Amino acid sequence: MSNLNPQPETFILIPGRTSRQGTTLNEGKFSAGYKDETSTLMMCPADMARLSLKNGDRVRLRSEQGQIEVPCQAAKDGELPAGLLFLPYGDLSSRLMSGDTHGTGMPDSKGFDVELERI
């Protein structure tokens, strides 16, 4: 029997803001446009091909702090190198971030390891 769900693979997640996120923010964080923008994971097309993922396939991301399930989308060629993932700042990306501020008042929000698995 084949393994339909291979073992989780570790990636580096880089949350951040998008220009569309900024324009939909004036509609409110509960608007459909804002929710849509902050709930789609961007991946390197080569990583998606290697993992047999297509645009819209759902994946689970897990960090030491929590886990989320999101659809994935191929980034434009050259936009994301292999091994890096991008998820806009929002409710979902916050669930993966540590609350530890290391005395700075700002939690780690960039460049942390997550496990990705197809669901």
PDB file of N, CA and C in Angstrom:
ATOM      1  N   MET A   1       0.847  -1.176   0.000  1.00  0.00           N
ATOM      2  CA  MET A   1       0.000   0.000   0.000  1.00  0.00           C
ATOM      3  C   MET A   1       0.891   1.237   0.000  1.00  0.00           C
ATOM      4  N   SER A   2       0.604   2.215  -0.851  1.00  0.00           N
ATOM      5  CA  SER A   2       1.433   3.416  -0.924  1.00  0.00           C
ATOM      6  C   SER A   2       1.098   4.359   0.214  1.00  0.00           C
ATOM      7  N   ASN A   3       2.070   5.165   0.566  1.00  0.00           N
ATOM      8  CA  ASN A   3       1.897   6.134   1.629  1.00  0.00           C
ATOM      9  C   ASN A   3       1.380   7.436   1.018  1.00  0.00           C
ATOM     10  N   LEU A   4       0.086   7.729   1.191  1.00  0.00           N
ATOM     11  CA  LEU A   4      -0.502   8.930   0.613  1.00  0.00           C
ATOM     12  C   LEU A   4      -0.071  10.186   1.340  1.00  0.00           C
ATOM     13  N   ASN A   5       0.267  10.078   2.601  1.00  0.00           N
ATOM     14  CA  ASN A   5       0.722  11.218   3.388  1.00  0.00           C
ATOM     15  C   ASN A   5       2.152  10.975   3.837  1.00  0.00           C
ATOM     16  N   PRO A   6       3.129  11.428   3.039  1.00  0.00           N
ATOM     17  CA  PRO A   6       4.515  11.220   3.430  1.00  0.00           C
ATOM     18  C   PRO A   6       4.821  11.936   4.739  1.00  0.00           C
ATOM     19  N   GLN A   7       5.970  11.631   5.303  1.00  0.00           N
ATOM     20  CA  GLN A   7       6.389  12.241   6.559  1.00  0.00           C
ATOM     21  C   GLN A   7       6.449  13.763   6.420  1.00  0.00           C
ATOM     22  N   PRO A   8       6.147  14.473   7.522  1.00  0.00           N
ATOM     23  CA  PRO A   8       6.267  15.935   7.480  1.00  0.00           C
ATOM     24  C   PRO A   8       7.689  16.349   7.114  1.00  0.00           C
ATOM     25  N   GLU A   9       7.812  17.475   6.473  1.00  0.00           N
ATOM     26  CA  GLU A   9       9.110  18.001   6.057  1.00  0.00           C
ATOM     27  C   GLU A   9       9.298  19.377   6.684  1.00  0.00           C
ATOM     28  N   THR A  10      10.517  19.677   7.118  1.00  0.00           N
ATOM     29  CA  THR A  10      10.796  20.954   7.771  1.00  0.00           C
ATOM     30  C   THR A  10      11.111  22.031   6.733  1.00  0.00           C
ATOM     31  N   PHE A  11      10.471  23.186   6.921  1.00  0.00           N
ATOM     32  CA  PHE A  11      10.688  24.373   6.099  1.00  0.00           C
ATOM     33  C   PHE A  11      10.934  25.553   7.027  1.00  0.00           C
ATOM     34  N   ILE A  12      11.372  26.669   6.467  1.00  0.00           N
ATOM     35  CA  ILE A  12      11.499  27.917   7.210  1.00  0.00           C
ATOM     36  C   ILE A  12      10.339  28.812   6.795  1.00  0.00           C
ATOM     37  N   LEU A  13       9.575  29.275   7.779  1.00  0.00           N
ATOM     38  CA  LEU A  13       8.437  30.156   7.516  1.00  0.00           C
ATOM     39  C   LEU A  13       8.853  31.601   7.709  1.00  0.00           C
ATOM     40  N   ILE A  14       8.522  32.409   6.711  1.00  0.00           N
ATOM     41  CA  ILE A  14       8.798  33.838   6.753  1.00  0.00           C
ATOM     42  C   ILE A  14       7.456  34.578   6.657  1.00  0.00           C
ATOM     43  N   PRO A  15       6.806  34.874   7.798  1.00  0.00           N
ATOM     44  CA  PRO A  15       5.584  35.677   7.724  1.00  0.00           C
ATOM     45  C   PRO A  15       5.914  37.127   7.377  1.00  0.00           C
ATOM     46  N   GLY A  16       4.965  37.830   6.818  1.00  0.00           N
ATOM     47  CA  GLY A  16       5.174  39.238   6.483  1.00  0.00           C
ATOM     48  C   GLY A  16       3.898  39.859   5.962  1.00  0.00           C
ATOM     49  N   ARG A  17       3.979  41.092   5.564  1.00  0.00           N
ATOM     50  CA  ARG A  17       2.826  41.819   5.016  1.00  0.00           C
ATOM     51  C   ARG A  17       2.867  41.765   3.491  1.00  0.00           C
ATOM     52  N   THR A  18       1.683  41.800   2.891  1.00  0.00           N
ATOM     53  CA  THR A  18       1.576  41.882   1.441  1.00  0.00           C
ATOM     54  C   THR A  18       0.921  43.213   1.076  1.00  0.00           C
ATOM     55  N   SER A  19       1.104  43.656  -0.152  1.00  0.00           N
ATOM     56  CA  SER A  19       0.461  44.912  -0.569  1.00  0.00           C
ATOM     57  C   SER A  19      -1.057  44.752  -0.587  1.00  0.00           C
ATOM     58  N   ARG A  20      -1.544  43.589  -1.003  1.00  0.00           N
ATOM     59  CA  ARG A  20      -3.002  43.369  -1.004  1.00  0.00           C
ATOM     60  C   ARG A  20      -3.546  43.365   0.421  1.00  0.00           C
ATOM     61  N   GLN A  21      -2.775  42.836   1.336  1.00  0.00           N
ATOM     62  CA  GLN A  21      -3.184  42.834   2.741  1.00  0.00           C
ATOM     63  C   GLN A  21      -3.376  44.270   3.217  1.00  0.00           C
ATOM     64  N   GLY A  22      -2.490  45.153   2.825  1.00  0.00           N
ATOM     65  CA  GLY A  22      -2.607  46.554   3.209  1.00  0.00           C
ATOM     66  C   GLY A  22      -3.846  47.213   2.639  1.00  0.00           C
ATOM     67  N   THR A  23      -4.199  46.891   1.399  1.00  0.00           N
ATOM     68  CA  THR A  23      -5.379  47.513   0.798  1.00  0.00           C
ATOM     69  C   THR A  23      -6.680  46.916   1.327  1.00  0.00           C
ATOM     70  N   THR A  24      -6.664  45.644   1.727  1.00  0.00           N
ATOM     71  CA  THR A  24      -7.893  45.054   2.267  1.00  0.00           C
ATOM     72  C   THR A  24      -8.065  45.373   3.742  1.00  0.00           C
ATOM     73  N   LEU A  25      -6.997  45.843   4.409  1.00  0.00           N
ATOM     74  CA  LEU A  25      -7.092  46.170   5.829  1.00  0.00           C
ATOM     75  C   LEU A  25      -8.112  47.278   6.075  1.00  0.00           C
ATOM     76  N   ASN A  26      -8.231  48.215   5.129  1.00  0.00           N
ATOM     77  CA  ASN A  26      -9.201  49.287   5.331  1.00  0.00           C
ATOM     78  C   ASN A  26     -10.640  48.765   5.282  1.00  0.00           C
ATOM     79  N   GLU A  27     -10.835  47.559   4.769  1.00  0.00           N
ATOM     80  CA  GLU A  27     -12.155  46.920   4.785  1.00  0.00           C
ATOM     81  C   GLU A  27     -12.399  46.224   6.125  1.00  0.00           C
ATOM     82  N   GLY A  28     -11.350  46.047   6.895  1.00  0.00           N
ATOM     83  CA  GLY A  28     -11.443  45.392   8.193  1.00  0.00           C
ATOM     84  C   GLY A  28     -10.833  44.008   8.171  1.00  0.00           C
ATOM     85  N   LYS A  29     -10.334  43.583   9.320  1.00  0.00           N
ATOM     86  CA  LYS A  29      -9.675  42.279   9.428  1.00  0.00           C
ATOM     87  C   LYS A  29     -10.642  41.117   9.330  1.00  0.00           C
ATOM     88  N   PHE A  30     -11.933  41.388   9.375  1.00  0.00           N
ATOM     89  CA  PHE A  30     -12.914  40.307   9.261  1.00  0.00           C
ATOM     90  C   PHE A  30     -13.540  40.256   7.868  1.00  0.00           C
ATOM     91  N   SER A  31     -13.060  41.100   6.948  1.00  0.00           N
ATOM     92  CA  SER A  31     -13.588  41.089   5.577  1.00  0.00           C
ATOM     93  C   SER A  31     -13.095  39.843   4.839  1.00  0.00           C
ATOM     94  N   ALA A  32     -13.844  39.427   3.848  1.00  0.00           N
ATOM     95  CA  ALA A  32     -13.480  38.239   3.073  1.00  0.00           C
ATOM     96  C   ALA A  32     -12.121  38.421   2.396  1.00  0.00           C
ATOM     97  N   GLY A  33     -11.860  39.612   1.860  1.00  0.00           N
ATOM     98  CA  GLY A  33     -10.591  39.860   1.179  1.00  0.00           C
ATOM     99  C   GLY A  33      -9.405  39.731   2.102  1.00  0.00           C
ATOM    100  N   TYR A  34      -9.527  40.287   3.314  1.00  0.00           N
ATOM    101  CA  TYR A  34      -8.427  40.215   4.276  1.00  0.00           C
ATOM    102  C   TYR A  34      -8.213  38.776   4.738  1.00  0.00           C
ATOM    103  N   LYS A  35      -9.299  38.076   5.044  1.00  0.00           N
ATOM    104  CA  LYS A  35      -9.174  36.681   5.491  1.00  0.00           C
ATOM    105  C   LYS A  35      -8.541  35.820   4.403  1.00  0.00           C
ATOM    106  N   ASP A  36      -8.968  36.031   3.158  1.00  0.00           N
ATOM    107  CA  ASP A  36      -8.413  35.262   2.043  1.00  0.00           C
ATOM    108  C   ASP A  36      -6.917  35.529   1.892  1.00  0.00           C
ATOM    109  N   GLU A  37      -6.537  36.786   1.990  1.00  0.00           N
ATOM    110  CA  GLU A  37      -5.129  37.155   1.808  1.00  0.00           C
ATOM    111  C   GLU A  37      -4.241  36.586   2.905  1.00  0.00           C
ATOM    112  N   THR A  38      -4.733  36.505   4.127  1.00  0.00           N
ATOM    113  CA  THR A  38      -3.903  36.065   5.248  1.00  0.00           C
ATOM    114  C   THR A  38      -4.012  34.576   5.536  1.00  0.00           C
ATOM    115  N   SER A  39      -4.711  33.841   4.689  1.00  0.00           N
ATOM    116  CA  SER A  39      -4.885  32.407   4.961  1.00  0.00           C
ATOM    117  C   SER A  39      -4.429  31.517   3.814  1.00  0.00           C
ATOM    118  N   THR A  40      -3.539  32.019   2.967  1.00  0.00           N
ATOM    119  CA  THR A  40      -2.992  31.217   1.870  1.00  0.00           C
ATOM    120  C   THR A  40      -1.470  31.176   1.986  1.00  0.00           C
ATOM    121  N   LEU A  41      -0.924  29.972   2.018  1.00  0.00           N
ATOM    122  CA  LEU A  41       0.516  29.758   2.125  1.00  0.00           C
ATOM    123  C   LEU A  41       1.143  29.815   0.743  1.00  0.00           C
ATOM    124  N   MET A  42       2.184  30.611   0.600  1.00  0.00           N
ATOM    125  CA  MET A  42       2.918  30.683  -0.651  1.00  0.00           C
ATOM    126  C   MET A  42       4.145  29.784  -0.554  1.00  0.00           C
ATOM    127  N   MET A  43       4.373  28.993  -1.618  1.00  0.00           N
ATOM    128  CA  MET A  43       5.483  28.044  -1.650  1.00  0.00           C
ATOM    129  C   MET A  43       6.262  28.181  -2.948  1.00  0.00           C
ATOM    130  N   CYS A  44       7.498  27.757  -2.909  1.00  0.00           N
ATOM    131  CA  CYS A  44       8.329  27.669  -4.103  1.00  0.00           C
ATOM    132  C   CYS A  44       7.699  26.635  -5.039  1.00  0.00           C
ATOM    133  N   PRO A  45       7.520  26.966  -6.314  1.00  0.00           N
ATOM    134  CA  PRO A  45       6.925  26.002  -7.243  1.00  0.00           C
ATOM    135  C   PRO A  45       7.676  24.665  -7.291  1.00  0.00           C
ATOM    136  N   ALA A  46       9.005  24.697  -7.147  1.00  0.00           N
ATOM    137  CA  ALA A  46       9.781  23.450  -7.175  1.00  0.00           C
ATOM    138  C   ALA A  46       9.459  22.574  -5.963  1.00  0.00           C
ATOM    139  N   ASP A  47       9.282  23.185  -4.783  1.00  0.00           N
ATOM    140  CA  ASP A  47       8.893  22.417  -3.591  1.00  0.00           C
ATOM    141  C   ASP A  47       7.512  21.807  -3.785  1.00  0.00           C
ATOM    142  N   MET A  48       6.600  22.590  -4.352  1.00  0.00           N
ATOM    143  CA  MET A  48       5.249  22.061  -4.581  1.00  0.00           C
ATOM    144  C   MET A  48       5.288  20.873  -5.531  1.00  0.00           C
ATOM    145  N   ALA A  49       6.059  20.988  -6.607  1.00  0.00           N
ATOM    146  CA  ALA A  49       6.158  19.895  -7.576  1.00  0.00           C
ATOM    147  C   ALA A  49       6.772  18.655  -6.931  1.00  0.00           C
ATOM    148  N   ARG A  50       7.820  18.851  -6.156  1.00  0.00           N
ATOM    149  CA  ARG A  50       8.485  17.727  -5.485  1.00  0.00           C
ATOM    150  C   ARG A  50       7.556  17.007  -4.536  1.00  0.00           C
ATOM    151  N   LEU A  51       6.659  17.766  -3.877  1.00  0.00           N
ATOM    152  CA  LEU A  51       5.715  17.181  -2.922  1.00  0.00           C
ATOM    153  C   LEU A  51       4.371  16.826  -3.556  1.00  0.00           C
ATOM    154  N   SER A  52       4.289  16.951  -4.891  1.00  0.00           N
ATOM    155  CA  SER A  52       3.057  16.665  -5.645  1.00  0.00           C
ATOM    156  C   SER A  52       1.871  17.485  -5.135  1.00  0.00           C
ATOM    157  N   LEU A  53       2.132  18.751  -4.838  1.00  0.00           N
ATOM    158  CA  LEU A  53       1.074  19.661  -4.397  1.00  0.00           C
ATOM    159  C   LEU A  53       0.649  20.546  -5.558  1.00  0.00           C
ATOM    160  N   LYS A  54      -0.644  20.840  -5.593  1.00  0.00           N
ATOM    161  CA  LYS A  54      -1.200  21.747  -6.597  1.00  0.00           C
ATOM    162  C   LYS A  54      -1.790  22.950  -5.882  1.00  0.00           C
ATOM    163  N   ASN A  55      -1.949  24.064  -6.614  1.00  0.00           N
ATOM    164  CA  ASN A  55      -2.583  25.245  -6.036  1.00  0.00           C
ATOM    165  C   ASN A  55      -3.920  24.857  -5.427  1.00  0.00           C
ATOM    166  N   GLY A  56      -4.136  25.295  -4.191  1.00  0.00           N
ATOM    167  CA  GLY A  56      -5.381  25.002  -3.495  1.00  0.00           C
ATOM    168  C   GLY A  56      -5.338  23.779  -2.602  1.00  0.00           C
ATOM    169  N   ASP A  57      -4.324  22.906  -2.780  1.00  0.00           N
ATOM    170  CA  ASP A  57      -4.205  21.749  -1.878  1.00  0.00           C
ATOM    171  C   ASP A  57      -3.978  22.254  -0.460  1.00  0.00           C
ATOM    172  N   ARG A  58      -4.540  21.551   0.503  1.00  0.00           N
ATOM    173  CA  ARG A  58      -4.404  21.941   1.908  1.00  0.00           C
ATOM    174  C   ARG A  58      -3.217  21.226   2.546  1.00  0.00           C
ATOM    175  N   VAL A  59      -2.510  21.990   3.365  1.00  0.00           N
ATOM    176  CA  VAL A  59      -1.360  21.462   4.097  1.00  0.00           C
ATOM    177  C   VAL A  59      -1.507  21.836   5.576  1.00  0.00           C
ATOM    178  N   ARG A  60      -0.833  21.069   6.405  1.00  0.00           N
ATOM    179  CA  ARG A  60      -0.772  21.367   7.839  1.00  0.00           C
ATOM    180  C   ARG A  60       0.618  21.898   8.144  1.00  0.00           C
ATOM    181  N   LEU A  61       0.678  23.030   8.832  1.00  0.00           N
ATOM    182  CA  LEU A  61       1.940  23.578   9.311  1.00  0.00           C
ATOM    183  C   LEU A  61       1.954  23.426  10.822  1.00  0.00           C
ATOM    184  N   ARG A  62       3.084  22.958  11.338  1.00  0.00           N
ATOM    185  CA  ARG A  62       3.211  22.739  12.778  1.00  0.00           C
ATOM    186  C   ARG A  62       4.528  23.361  13.248  1.00  0.00           C
ATOM    187  N   SER A  63       4.422  24.158  14.317  1.00  0.00           N
ATOM    188  CA  SER A  63       5.613  24.701  14.967  1.00  0.00           C
ATOM    189  C   SER A  63       5.576  24.238  16.416  1.00  0.00           C
ATOM    190  N   GLU A  64       6.558  24.668  17.203  1.00  0.00           N
ATOM    191  CA  GLU A  64       6.561  24.315  18.625  1.00  0.00           C
ATOM    192  C   GLU A  64       5.361  24.932  19.343  1.00  0.00           C
ATOM    193  N   GLN A  65       4.770  26.003  18.790  1.00  0.00           N
ATOM    194  CA  GLN A  65       3.686  26.713  19.452  1.00  0.00           C
ATOM    195  C   GLN A  65       2.293  26.228  19.058  1.00  0.00           C
ATOM    196  N   GLY A  66       2.133  25.670  17.875  1.00  0.00           N
ATOM    197  CA  GLY A  66       0.804  25.263  17.443  1.00  0.00           C
ATOM    198  C   GLY A  66       0.811  24.734  16.029  1.00  0.00           C
ATOM    199  N   GLN A  67      -0.391  24.553  15.506  1.00  0.00           N
ATOM    200  CA  GLN A  67      -0.515  24.068  14.129  1.00  0.00           C
ATOM    201  C   GLN A  67      -1.722  24.720  13.475  1.00  0.00           C
ATOM    202  N   ILE A  68      -1.663  24.813  12.145  1.00  0.00           N
ATOM    203  CA  ILE A  68      -2.753  25.366  11.352  1.00  0.00           C
ATOM    204  C   ILE A  68      -2.896  24.536  10.085  1.00  0.00           C
ATOM    205  N   GLU A  69      -4.021  24.665   9.425  1.00  0.00           N
ATOM    206  CA  GLU A  69      -4.248  24.049   8.116  1.00  0.00           C
ATOM    207  C   GLU A  69      -4.630  25.155   7.150  1.00  0.00           C
ATOM    208  N   VAL A  70      -3.929  25.186   6.018  1.00  0.00           N
ATOM    209  CA  VAL A  70      -4.130  26.249   5.031  1.00  0.00           C
ATOM    210  C   VAL A  70      -3.992  25.691   3.623  1.00  0.00           C
ATOM    211  N   PRO A  71      -4.615  26.365   2.637  1.00  0.00           N
ATOM    212  CA  PRO A  71      -4.347  26.005   1.247  1.00  0.00           C
ATOM    213  C   PRO A  71      -2.992  26.587   0.834  1.00  0.00           C
ATOM    214  N   CYS A  72      -2.340  25.919  -0.105  1.00  0.00           N
ATOM    215  CA  CYS A  72      -1.055  26.426  -0.601  1.00  0.00           C
ATOM    216  C   CYS A  72      -1.211  26.938  -2.025  1.00  0.00           C
ATOM    217  N   GLN A  73      -0.295  27.801  -2.397  1.00  0.00           N
ATOM    218  CA  GLN A  73      -0.298  28.436  -3.713  1.00  0.00           C
ATOM    219  C   GLN A  73       1.143  28.588  -4.155  1.00  0.00           C
ATOM    220  N   ALA A  74       1.406  28.349  -5.420  1.00  0.00           N
ATOM    221  CA  ALA A  74       2.762  28.531  -5.944  1.00  0.00           C
ATOM    222  C   ALA A  74       3.089  30.014  -6.033  1.00  0.00           C
ATOM    223  N   ALA A  75       4.251  30.385  -5.516  1.00  0.00           N
ATOM    224  CA  ALA A  75       4.749  31.748  -5.663  1.00  0.00           C
ATOM    225  C   ALA A  75       5.202  31.937  -7.108  1.00  0.00           C
ATOM    226  N   LYS A  76       5.342  33.178  -7.513  1.00  0.00           N
ATOM    227  CA  LYS A  76       5.865  33.457  -8.845  1.00  0.00           C
ATOM    228  C   LYS A  76       7.294  32.942  -8.916  1.00  0.00           C
ATOM    229  N   ASP A  77       7.702  32.506 -10.098  1.00  0.00           N
ATOM    230  CA  ASP A  77       9.067  32.004 -10.272  1.00  0.00           C
ATOM    231  C   ASP A  77      10.080  33.017  -9.760  1.00  0.00           C
ATOM    232  N   GLY A  78      11.029  32.548  -8.949  1.00  0.00           N
ATOM    233  CA  GLY A  78      12.080  33.391  -8.423  1.00  0.00           C
ATOM    234  C   GLY A  78      11.690  34.191  -7.190  1.00  0.00           C
ATOM    235  N   GLU A  79      10.419  34.112  -6.771  1.00  0.00           N
ATOM    236  CA  GLU A  79       9.963  34.897  -5.621  1.00  0.00           C
ATOM    237  C   GLU A  79      10.348  34.266  -4.282  1.00  0.00           C
ATOM    238  N   LEU A  80      10.296  32.935  -4.208  1.00  0.00           N
ATOM    239  CA  LEU A  80      10.643  32.215  -2.978  1.00  0.00           C
ATOM    240  C   LEU A  80      11.627  31.105  -3.310  1.00  0.00           C
ATOM    241  N   PRO A  81      12.765  31.068  -2.649  1.00  0.00           N
ATOM    242  CA  PRO A  81      13.687  29.955  -2.885  1.00  0.00           C
ATOM    243  C   PRO A  81      13.157  28.667  -2.247  1.00  0.00           C
ATOM    244  N   ALA A  82      13.665  27.552  -2.716  1.00  0.00           N
ATOM    245  CA  ALA A  82      13.283  26.256  -2.147  1.00  0.00           C
ATOM    246  C   ALA A  82      13.561  26.254  -0.650  1.00  0.00           C
ATOM    247  N   GLY A  83      12.647  25.648   0.098  1.00  0.00           N
ATOM    248  CA  GLY A  83      12.823  25.526   1.542  1.00  0.00           C
ATOM    249  C   GLY A  83      12.208  26.643   2.358  1.00  0.00           C
ATOM    250  N   LEU A  84      11.792  27.738   1.700  1.00  0.00           N
ATOM    251  CA  LEU A  84      11.156  28.855   2.396  1.00  0.00           C
ATOM    252  C   LEU A  84       9.669  28.892   2.077  1.00  0.00           C
ATOM    253  N   LEU A  85       8.877  29.251   3.079  1.00  0.00           N
ATOM    254  CA  LEU A  85       7.432  29.419   2.929  1.00  0.00           C
ATOM    255  C   LEU A  85       7.078  30.834   3.333  1.00  0.00           C
ATOM    256  N   PHE A  86       6.029  31.386   2.733  1.00  0.00           N
ATOM    257  CA  PHE A  86       5.544  32.717   3.104  1.00  0.00           C
ATOM    258  C   PHE A  86       4.070  32.636   3.445  1.00  0.00           C
ATOM    259  N   LEU A  87       3.709  33.195   4.603  1.00  0.00           N
ATOM    260  CA  LEU A  87       2.315  33.304   5.022  1.00  0.00           C
ATOM    261  C   LEU A  87       2.130  34.712   5.554  1.00  0.00           C
ATOM    262  N   PRO A  88       1.171  35.477   5.001  1.00  0.00           N
ATOM    263  CA  PRO A  88       0.974  36.844   5.496  1.00  0.00           C
ATOM    264  C   PRO A  88       0.632  36.874   6.983  1.00  0.00           C
ATOM    265  N   TYR A  89       1.077  37.950   7.636  1.00  0.00           N
ATOM    266  CA  TYR A  89       0.727  38.146   9.041  1.00  0.00           C
ATOM    267  C   TYR A  89      -0.787  38.102   9.194  1.00  0.00           C
ATOM    268  N   GLY A  90      -1.222  37.482  10.259  1.00  0.00           N
ATOM    269  CA  GLY A  90      -2.646  37.399  10.559  1.00  0.00           C
ATOM    270  C   GLY A  90      -2.881  36.373  11.639  1.00  0.00           C
ATOM    271  N   ASP A  91      -4.131  36.043  11.833  1.00  0.00           N
ATOM    272  CA  ASP A  91      -4.501  35.096  12.874  1.00  0.00           C
ATOM    273  C   ASP A  91      -3.769  33.767  12.723  1.00  0.00           C
ATOM    274  N   LEU A  92      -3.734  33.233  11.506  1.00  0.00           N
ATOM    275  CA  LEU A  92      -3.134  31.904  11.316  1.00  0.00           C
ATOM    276  C   LEU A  92      -1.630  31.916  11.554  1.00  0.00           C
ATOM    277  N   SER A  93      -0.919  32.882  10.990  1.00  0.00           N
ATOM    278  CA  SER A  93       0.535  32.910  11.194  1.00  0.00           C
ATOM    279  C   SER A  93       0.876  33.153  12.660  1.00  0.00           C
ATOM    280  N   SER A  94       0.043  33.916  13.359  1.00  0.00           N
ATOM    281  CA  SER A  94       0.288  34.192  14.785  1.00  0.00           C
ATOM    282  C   SER A  94       0.207  32.929  15.634  1.00  0.00           C
ATOM    283  N   ARG A  95      -0.585  31.979  15.221  1.00  0.00           N
ATOM    284  CA  ARG A  95      -0.723  30.735  15.971  1.00  0.00           C
ATOM    285  C   ARG A  95       0.553  29.899  15.969  1.00  0.00           C
ATOM    286  N   LEU A  96       1.459  30.208  15.043  1.00  0.00           N
ATOM    287  CA  LEU A  96       2.709  29.455  14.927  1.00  0.00           C
ATOM    288  C   LEU A  96       3.886  30.147  15.602  1.00  0.00           C
ATOM    289  N   MET A  97       3.706  31.409  15.996  1.00  0.00           N
ATOM    290  CA  MET A  97       4.794  32.208  16.544  1.00  0.00           C
ATOM    291  C   MET A  97       4.936  32.025  18.045  1.00  0.00           C
ATOM    292  N   SER A  98       6.159  32.130  18.501  1.00  0.00           N
ATOM    293  CA  SER A  98       6.450  32.074  19.924  1.00  0.00           C
ATOM    294  C   SER A  98       6.077  33.391  20.583  1.00  0.00           C
ATOM    295  N   GLY A  99       5.668  33.333  21.834  1.00  0.00           N
ATOM    296  CA  GLY A  99       5.384  34.542  22.593  1.00  0.00           C
ATOM    297  C   GLY A  99       6.621  35.102  23.270  1.00  0.00           C
ATOM    298  N   ASP A 100       7.740  34.385  23.178  1.00  0.00           N
ATOM    299  CA  ASP A 100       8.975  34.831  23.820  1.00  0.00           C
ATOM    300  C   ASP A 100       9.513  36.059  23.094  1.00  0.00           C
ATOM    301  N   THR A 101       9.696  37.141  23.827  1.00  0.00           N
ATOM    302  CA  THR A 101      10.201  38.376  23.216  1.00  0.00           C
ATOM    303  C   THR A 101      11.692  38.592  23.439  1.00  0.00           C
ATOM    304  N   HIS A 102      12.331  37.712  24.187  1.00  0.00           N
ATOM    305  CA  HIS A 102      13.770  37.826  24.463  1.00  0.00           C
ATOM    306  C   HIS A 102      14.118  39.195  25.048  1.00  0.00           C
ATOM    307  N   GLY A 103      13.160  39.762  25.789  1.00  0.00           N
ATOM    308  CA  GLY A 103      13.381  41.044  26.443  1.00  0.00           C
ATOM    309  C   GLY A 103      13.205  42.253  25.545  1.00  0.00           C
ATOM    310  N   THR A 104      12.798  42.056  24.294  1.00  0.00           N
ATOM    311  CA  THR A 104      12.668  43.183  23.363  1.00  0.00           C
ATOM    312  C   THR A 104      11.249  43.724  23.278  1.00  0.00           C
ATOM    313  N   GLY A 105      10.264  42.942  23.735  1.00  0.00           N
ATOM    314  CA  GLY A 105       8.866  43.350  23.593  1.00  0.00           C
ATOM    315  C   GLY A 105       8.249  42.906  22.276  1.00  0.00           C
ATOM    316  N   MET A 106       9.052  42.326  21.382  1.00  0.00           N
ATOM    317  CA  MET A 106       8.567  41.861  20.080  1.00  0.00           C
ATOM    318  C   MET A 106       8.877  40.373  19.941  1.00  0.00           C
ATOM    319  N   PRO A 107       7.844  39.536  19.735  1.00  0.00           N
ATOM    320  CA  PRO A 107       8.110  38.099  19.605  1.00  0.00           C
ATOM    321  C   PRO A 107       8.810  37.758  18.293  1.00  0.00           C
ATOM    322  N   ASP A 108       9.461  36.590  18.282  1.00  0.00           N
ATOM    323  CA  ASP A 108      10.058  36.087  17.034  1.00  0.00           C
ATOM    324  C   ASP A 108       8.938  35.903  16.021  1.00  0.00           C
ATOM    325  N   SER A 109       9.067  36.549  14.887  1.00  0.00           N
ATOM    326  CA  SER A 109       8.014  36.429  13.881  1.00  0.00           C
ATOM    327  C   SER A 109       8.567  36.184  12.488  1.00  0.00           C
ATOM    328  N   LYS A 110       9.835  35.934  12.383  1.00  0.00           N
ATOM    329  CA  LYS A 110      10.443  35.699  11.065  1.00  0.00           C
ATOM    330  C   LYS A 110      11.431  34.551  11.148  1.00  0.00           C
ATOM    331  N   GLY A 111      11.438  33.744  10.118  1.00  0.00           N
ATOM    332  CA  GLY A 111      12.472  32.739   9.966  1.00  0.00           C
ATOM    333  C   GLY A 111      12.473  31.651  11.011  1.00  0.00           C
ATOM    334  N   PHE A 112      11.333  31.041  11.269  1.00  0.00           N
ATOM    335  CA  PHE A 112      11.313  29.938  12.220  1.00  0.00           C
ATOM    336  C   PHE A 112      10.890  28.651  11.525  1.00  0.00           C
ATOM    337  N   ASP A 113      11.331  27.531  12.096  1.00  0.00           N
ATOM    338  CA  ASP A 113      11.056  26.224  11.506  1.00  0.00           C
ATOM    339  C   ASP A 113       9.605  25.811  11.707  1.00  0.00           C
ATOM    340  N   VAL A 114       9.046  25.230  10.650  1.00  0.00           N
ATOM    341  CA  VAL A 114       7.724  24.607  10.709  1.00  0.00           C
ATOM    342  C   VAL A 114       7.799  23.282   9.965  1.00  0.00           C
ATOM    343  N   GLU A 115       6.988  22.346  10.402  1.00  0.00           N
ATOM    344  CA  GLU A 115       6.835  21.095   9.655  1.00  0.00           C
ATOM    345  C   GLU A 115       5.623  21.257   8.746  1.00  0.00           C
ATOM    346  N   LEU A 116       5.749  20.798   7.524  1.00  0.00           N
ATOM    347  CA  LEU A 116       4.661  20.850   6.561  1.00  0.00           C
ATOM    348  C   LEU A 116       4.284  19.434   6.177  1.00  0.00           C
ATOM    349  N   GLU A 117       2.986  19.160   6.187  1.00  0.00           N
ATOM    350  CA  GLU A 117       2.512  17.876   5.683  1.00  0.00           C
ATOM    351  C   GLU A 117       1.234  18.076   4.909  1.00  0.00           C
ATOM    352  N   ARG A 118       1.074  17.286   3.889  1.00  0.00           N
ATOM    353  CA  ARG A 118      -0.139  17.319   3.072  1.00  0.00           C
ATOM    354  C   ARG A 118      -1.271  16.689   3.868  1.00  0.00           C
ATOM    355  N   ILE A 119      -2.468  17.273   3.764  1.00  0.00           N
ATOM    356  CA  ILE A 119      -3.622  16.682   4.450  1.00  0.00           C
ATOM    357  C   ILE A 119      -4.706  16.314   3.451  1.00  0.00           C
TER     358      ILE A 119
END
